[in-house]
């Protein structure tokens, strides 16, 4: 689940690259509803990508993250 513009911008930059890529999903958030591959990519991206100050869910599940 994506929320807030920052996540849409980061995902968009990751998926579409380049300077203009960051605004693709910000301008067209419904792309996640109509493009199955992009929807799957967003779920995988959210699972793998750390969201400062939180670690990635992947790192937590594998035990790479140790709380301080």
Protein backbone atom coordinates (compact mmCIF):
# COMPACT_ATOMS: atom_id res chain seq x y z
CA UNK A 1 0.00 0.00 0.00
CA UNK A 2 1.40 3.32 -1.01
CA UNK A 3 0.53 6.49 0.77
CA UNK A 4 1.74 10.06 0.55
CA UNK A 5 3.33 11.72 -2.43
CA UNK A 6 6.84 10.86 -1.32
CA UNK A 7 6.21 7.12 -1.83
CA UNK A 8 4.57 7.66 -5.22
CA UNK A 9 7.51 9.85 -6.26
CA UNK A 10 10.15 7.36 -5.09
CA UNK A 11 8.37 4.42 -6.71
CA UNK A 12 7.89 6.37 -9.92
CA UNK A 13 11.57 7.33 -10.03
CA UNK A 14 12.52 3.69 -9.48
CA UNK A 15 10.10 2.33 -12.08
CA UNK A 16 10.46 4.97 -14.79
CA UNK A 17 13.88 6.48 -14.05
CA UNK A 18 15.26 9.78 -15.15
CA UNK A 19 14.36 13.26 -14.03
CA UNK A 20 10.88 13.15 -15.57
CA UNK A 21 10.18 9.66 -14.21
CA UNK A 22 9.59 10.89 -10.67
CA UNK A 23 6.45 12.74 -11.70
CA UNK A 24 4.87 9.93 -13.76
CA UNK A 25 2.91 8.34 -10.90
CA UNK A 26 2.38 11.66 -9.16
CA UNK A 27 0.57 12.87 -12.27
CA UNK A 28 -1.18 9.52 -12.95
CA UNK A 29 -1.63 7.54 -9.70
CA UNK A 30 -4.40 5.44 -11.32
CA UNK A 31 -1.69 3.67 -13.34
CA UNK A 32 -1.33 1.36 -10.33
CA UNK A 33 -4.96 0.31 -10.75
CA UNK A 34 -4.77 -0.41 -14.46
CA UNK A 35 -1.28 -1.89 -14.89
CA UNK A 36 -0.90 -5.27 -13.18
CA UNK A 37 2.87 -5.46 -13.68
CA UNK A 38 3.33 -2.00 -12.18
CA UNK A 39 1.10 -2.94 -9.25
CA UNK A 40 3.20 -6.04 -8.55
CA UNK A 41 6.38 -3.97 -8.92
CA UNK A 42 5.03 -1.48 -6.37
CA UNK A 43 4.40 -4.23 -3.80
CA UNK A 44 7.84 -5.73 -4.37
CA UNK A 45 9.48 -2.28 -4.24
CA UNK A 46 7.73 -1.44 -0.95
CA UNK A 47 8.87 -4.76 0.56
CA UNK A 48 12.51 -4.37 -0.53
CA UNK A 49 13.09 -0.61 -0.20
CA UNK A 50 13.99 0.88 3.23
CA UNK A 51 11.90 3.90 4.21
CA UNK A 52 14.10 6.07 6.43
CA UNK A 53 14.23 5.71 9.41
CA UNK A 54 12.69 2.24 9.00
CA UNK A 55 14.56 -0.71 7.49
CA UNK A 56 13.10 -2.64 4.59
CA UNK A 57 10.55 -5.30 5.45
CA UNK A 58 12.85 -7.80 3.73
CA UNK A 59 15.70 -7.02 6.13
CA UNK A 60 13.40 -7.38 9.13
CA UNK A 61 12.02 -10.73 7.93
CA UNK A 62 15.49 -12.15 7.33
CA UNK A 63 16.81 -10.91 10.67
CA UNK A 64 19.32 -8.44 9.23
CA UNK A 65 17.84 -5.61 11.27
CA UNK A 66 18.59 -5.37 14.95
CA UNK A 67 16.65 -2.72 16.87
CA UNK A 68 18.73 -0.30 18.88
